[in-house]
N, C-alpha and C. Protein backbone atom coordinates (compact mmCIF):
# COMPACT_ATOMS: atom_id res chain seq x y z
N PRO A 1 -19.24 1.84 11.92
CA PRO A 1 -18.46 0.79 11.26
C PRO A 1 -17.79 1.28 9.96
N LEU A 2 -18.46 2.17 9.23
CA LEU A 2 -17.86 2.67 7.98
C LEU A 2 -16.64 3.54 8.28
N ARG A 3 -16.73 4.36 9.29
CA ARG A 3 -15.59 5.21 9.65
C ARG A 3 -14.41 4.36 10.13
N ARG A 4 -14.72 3.31 10.88
CA ARG A 4 -13.67 2.39 11.35
C ARG A 4 -13.00 1.71 10.15
N GLU A 5 -13.79 1.29 9.19
CA GLU A 5 -13.26 0.66 7.97
C GLU A 5 -12.40 1.66 7.19
N SER A 6 -12.88 2.89 7.10
CA SER A 6 -12.13 3.93 6.40
C SER A 6 -10.78 4.16 7.08
N ARG A 7 -10.78 4.30 8.39
CA ARG A 7 -9.52 4.52 9.13
C ARG A 7 -8.59 3.33 9.00
N ARG A 8 -9.14 2.12 9.05
CA ARG A 8 -8.31 0.92 8.92
C ARG A 8 -7.65 0.86 7.54
N ALA A 9 -8.44 1.13 6.51
CA ALA A 9 -7.90 1.09 5.14
C ALA A 9 -6.88 2.20 4.92
N GLU A 10 -7.15 3.37 5.46
CA GLU A 10 -6.21 4.49 5.34
C GLU A 10 -4.89 4.14 6.03
N ALA A 11 -4.96 3.58 7.22
CA ALA A 11 -3.75 3.20 7.95
C ALA A 11 -2.98 2.12 7.21
N ALA A 12 -3.69 1.16 6.64
CA ALA A 12 -3.03 0.10 5.88
C ALA A 12 -2.31 0.68 4.67
N ALA A 13 -2.98 1.58 3.96
CA ALA A 13 -2.36 2.21 2.79
C ALA A 13 -1.11 2.99 3.20
N ALA A 14 -1.18 3.70 4.32
CA ALA A 14 -0.03 4.48 4.78
C ALA A 14 1.13 3.57 5.16
N GLN A 15 0.84 2.47 5.85
CA GLN A 15 1.90 1.55 6.26
C GLN A 15 2.55 0.91 5.03
N LEU A 16 1.74 0.47 4.10
CA LEU A 16 2.27 -0.17 2.89
C LEU A 16 3.09 0.82 2.06
N THR A 17 2.63 2.06 2.01
CA THR A 17 3.37 3.09 1.27
C THR A 17 4.73 3.35 1.92
N ALA A 18 4.77 3.36 3.24
CA ALA A 18 6.05 3.53 3.94
C ALA A 18 6.99 2.37 3.64
N GLU A 19 6.44 1.15 3.62
CA GLU A 19 7.26 -0.02 3.27
C GLU A 19 7.79 0.10 1.85
N GLN A 20 6.92 0.56 0.95
CA GLN A 20 7.33 0.70 -0.44
C GLN A 20 8.44 1.75 -0.58
N ARG A 21 8.32 2.86 0.14
CA ARG A 21 9.36 3.89 0.10
C ARG A 21 10.70 3.34 0.60
N ALA A 22 10.66 2.58 1.67
CA ALA A 22 11.88 1.99 2.21
C ALA A 22 12.51 1.03 1.20
N LEU A 23 11.67 0.24 0.56
CA LEU A 23 12.17 -0.69 -0.45
C LEU A 23 12.71 0.07 -1.66
N ASP A 24 12.04 1.14 -2.06
CA ASP A 24 12.54 1.96 -3.17
C ASP A 24 13.92 2.52 -2.84
N HIS A 25 14.11 2.90 -1.58
CA HIS A 25 15.42 3.40 -1.15
C HIS A 25 16.48 2.31 -1.32
N GLU A 26 16.15 1.10 -0.93
CA GLU A 26 17.09 -0.03 -1.10
C GLU A 26 17.34 -0.31 -2.58
N LEU A 27 16.28 -0.25 -3.38
CA LEU A 27 16.42 -0.54 -4.81
C LEU A 27 17.25 0.53 -5.53
N ALA A 28 17.32 1.72 -4.96
CA ALA A 28 18.11 2.79 -5.57
C ALA A 28 19.61 2.48 -5.48
N ALA A 29 19.97 1.55 -4.62
CA ALA A 29 21.37 1.13 -4.48
C ALA A 29 21.44 -0.37 -4.77
N PRO A 30 21.34 -0.76 -6.03
CA PRO A 30 21.27 -2.18 -6.37
C PRO A 30 22.47 -3.00 -5.91
N ASP A 31 23.58 -2.34 -5.60
CA ASP A 31 24.75 -3.09 -5.12
C ASP A 31 24.49 -3.68 -3.74
N ARG A 32 23.39 -3.27 -3.10
CA ARG A 32 23.03 -3.82 -1.80
C ARG A 32 22.53 -5.27 -1.92
N PHE A 33 22.18 -5.65 -3.11
CA PHE A 33 21.66 -7.00 -3.32
C PHE A 33 22.79 -7.91 -3.77
N GLY A 34 22.86 -9.07 -3.14
CA GLY A 34 23.96 -9.99 -3.39
C GLY A 34 23.94 -10.63 -4.76
N GLY A 35 22.79 -10.73 -5.35
CA GLY A 35 22.72 -11.37 -6.66
C GLY A 35 21.40 -11.07 -7.32
N SER A 36 21.24 -11.60 -8.50
CA SER A 36 20.04 -11.30 -9.26
C SER A 36 18.79 -11.88 -8.60
N ALA A 37 18.94 -13.00 -7.88
CA ALA A 37 17.77 -13.59 -7.21
C ALA A 37 17.26 -12.66 -6.11
N ALA A 38 18.17 -12.05 -5.36
CA ALA A 38 17.76 -11.13 -4.30
C ALA A 38 17.10 -9.89 -4.89
N LEU A 39 17.64 -9.40 -5.99
CA LEU A 39 17.05 -8.24 -6.66
C LEU A 39 15.68 -8.61 -7.21
N ALA A 40 15.56 -9.78 -7.79
CA ALA A 40 14.27 -10.22 -8.33
C ALA A 40 13.23 -10.33 -7.21
N ASP A 41 13.65 -10.85 -6.07
CA ASP A 41 12.74 -10.95 -4.93
C ASP A 41 12.29 -9.58 -4.47
N ALA A 42 13.21 -8.62 -4.44
CA ALA A 42 12.87 -7.25 -4.01
C ALA A 42 11.89 -6.62 -5.00
N LEU A 43 12.09 -6.85 -6.28
CA LEU A 43 11.19 -6.30 -7.29
C LEU A 43 9.81 -6.94 -7.21
N LYS A 44 9.76 -8.24 -6.91
CA LYS A 44 8.47 -8.90 -6.71
C LYS A 44 7.77 -8.33 -5.49
N ARG A 45 8.53 -8.08 -4.43
CA ARG A 45 7.96 -7.50 -3.21
C ARG A 45 7.40 -6.12 -3.51
N ARG A 46 8.10 -5.34 -4.32
CA ARG A 46 7.62 -4.01 -4.66
C ARG A 46 6.32 -4.08 -5.44
N ALA A 47 6.24 -5.01 -6.37
CA ALA A 47 5.00 -5.17 -7.15
C ALA A 47 3.85 -5.59 -6.24
N ASP A 48 4.14 -6.47 -5.29
CA ASP A 48 3.11 -6.89 -4.34
C ASP A 48 2.65 -5.72 -3.48
N LEU A 49 3.59 -4.90 -3.02
CA LEU A 49 3.24 -3.72 -2.23
C LEU A 49 2.37 -2.77 -3.03
N ALA A 50 2.72 -2.55 -4.29
CA ALA A 50 1.94 -1.65 -5.14
C ALA A 50 0.51 -2.17 -5.28
N ARG A 51 0.37 -3.47 -5.46
CA ARG A 51 -0.97 -4.06 -5.59
C ARG A 51 -1.75 -3.90 -4.29
N ARG A 52 -1.10 -4.16 -3.18
CA ARG A 52 -1.78 -4.06 -1.88
C ARG A 52 -2.14 -2.62 -1.53
N ILE A 53 -1.29 -1.66 -1.92
CA ILE A 53 -1.62 -0.24 -1.72
C ILE A 53 -2.86 0.12 -2.52
N GLU A 54 -2.90 -0.32 -3.76
CA GLU A 54 -4.06 -0.04 -4.61
C GLU A 54 -5.34 -0.62 -4.00
N GLU A 55 -5.26 -1.83 -3.48
CA GLU A 55 -6.44 -2.44 -2.85
C GLU A 55 -6.87 -1.68 -1.60
N ALA A 56 -5.90 -1.30 -0.76
CA ALA A 56 -6.22 -0.57 0.47
C ALA A 56 -6.83 0.79 0.14
N GLU A 57 -6.28 1.47 -0.86
CA GLU A 57 -6.83 2.76 -1.26
C GLU A 57 -8.24 2.61 -1.81
N ALA A 58 -8.48 1.57 -2.58
CA ALA A 58 -9.83 1.33 -3.12
C ALA A 58 -10.82 1.09 -1.98
N GLN A 59 -10.41 0.32 -0.96
CA GLN A 59 -11.28 0.08 0.20
C GLN A 59 -11.54 1.39 0.95
N TRP A 60 -10.51 2.19 1.09
CA TRP A 60 -10.63 3.47 1.78
C TRP A 60 -11.61 4.37 1.05
N PHE A 61 -11.44 4.51 -0.27
CA PHE A 61 -12.33 5.36 -1.05
C PHE A 61 -13.77 4.83 -1.03
N ALA A 62 -13.92 3.53 -1.10
CA ALA A 62 -15.27 2.95 -1.06
C ALA A 62 -15.94 3.25 0.27
N ALA A 63 -15.20 3.13 1.36
CA ALA A 63 -15.76 3.42 2.68
C ALA A 63 -16.12 4.90 2.79
N GLU A 64 -15.27 5.77 2.28
CA GLU A 64 -15.56 7.20 2.32
C GLU A 64 -16.81 7.54 1.49
N GLU A 65 -16.93 6.92 0.34
CA GLU A 65 -18.13 7.14 -0.49
C GLU A 65 -19.38 6.64 0.23
N ALA A 66 -19.29 5.51 0.90
CA ALA A 66 -20.44 4.98 1.64
C ALA A 66 -20.80 5.91 2.79
N ILE A 67 -19.81 6.49 3.43
CA ILE A 67 -20.07 7.45 4.51
C ILE A 67 -20.81 8.67 3.95
N GLU A 68 -20.35 9.17 2.81
CA GLU A 68 -20.99 10.33 2.19
C GLU A 68 -22.43 10.00 1.78
N ARG A 69 -22.66 8.83 1.21
CA ARG A 69 -24.02 8.44 0.83
C ARG A 69 -24.92 8.34 2.05
N ALA A 70 -24.41 7.78 3.13
CA ALA A 70 -25.19 7.64 4.36
C ALA A 70 -25.51 9.01 4.96
N ALA A 71 -24.58 9.94 4.84
CA ALA A 71 -24.79 11.28 5.39
C ALA A 71 -25.87 12.05 4.60
N ARG A 72 -25.96 11.75 3.30
CA ARG A 72 -26.95 12.43 2.46
C ARG A 72 -28.35 11.88 2.67
N GLY A 73 -28.41 10.72 3.25
CA GLY A 73 -29.73 10.22 3.56
C GLY A 73 -30.07 8.96 2.90
C-alpha cells in the first residue's frame, strides 16, 4: 500500500507539473488573454497548481520515508 501511495503521489505531482508548465507557456504570451479577468484567472490557476504540486510532493516524500522506515524494521 505504501508503494502504491508513493506511485500515485508521484504521478499526481508529474501531471500537475506538466499542467503548470503548459500554463507557464501561455502566461509567457500575455496577449493570449482577452482581458485582465482572464489573466487573473490564469494566475489563480497557477497558484492553485503550485499548491497542489507541493501537497502531492509532500505525500510522495512521506510515503517514501514510510517505506524506508518499514524496510529498516
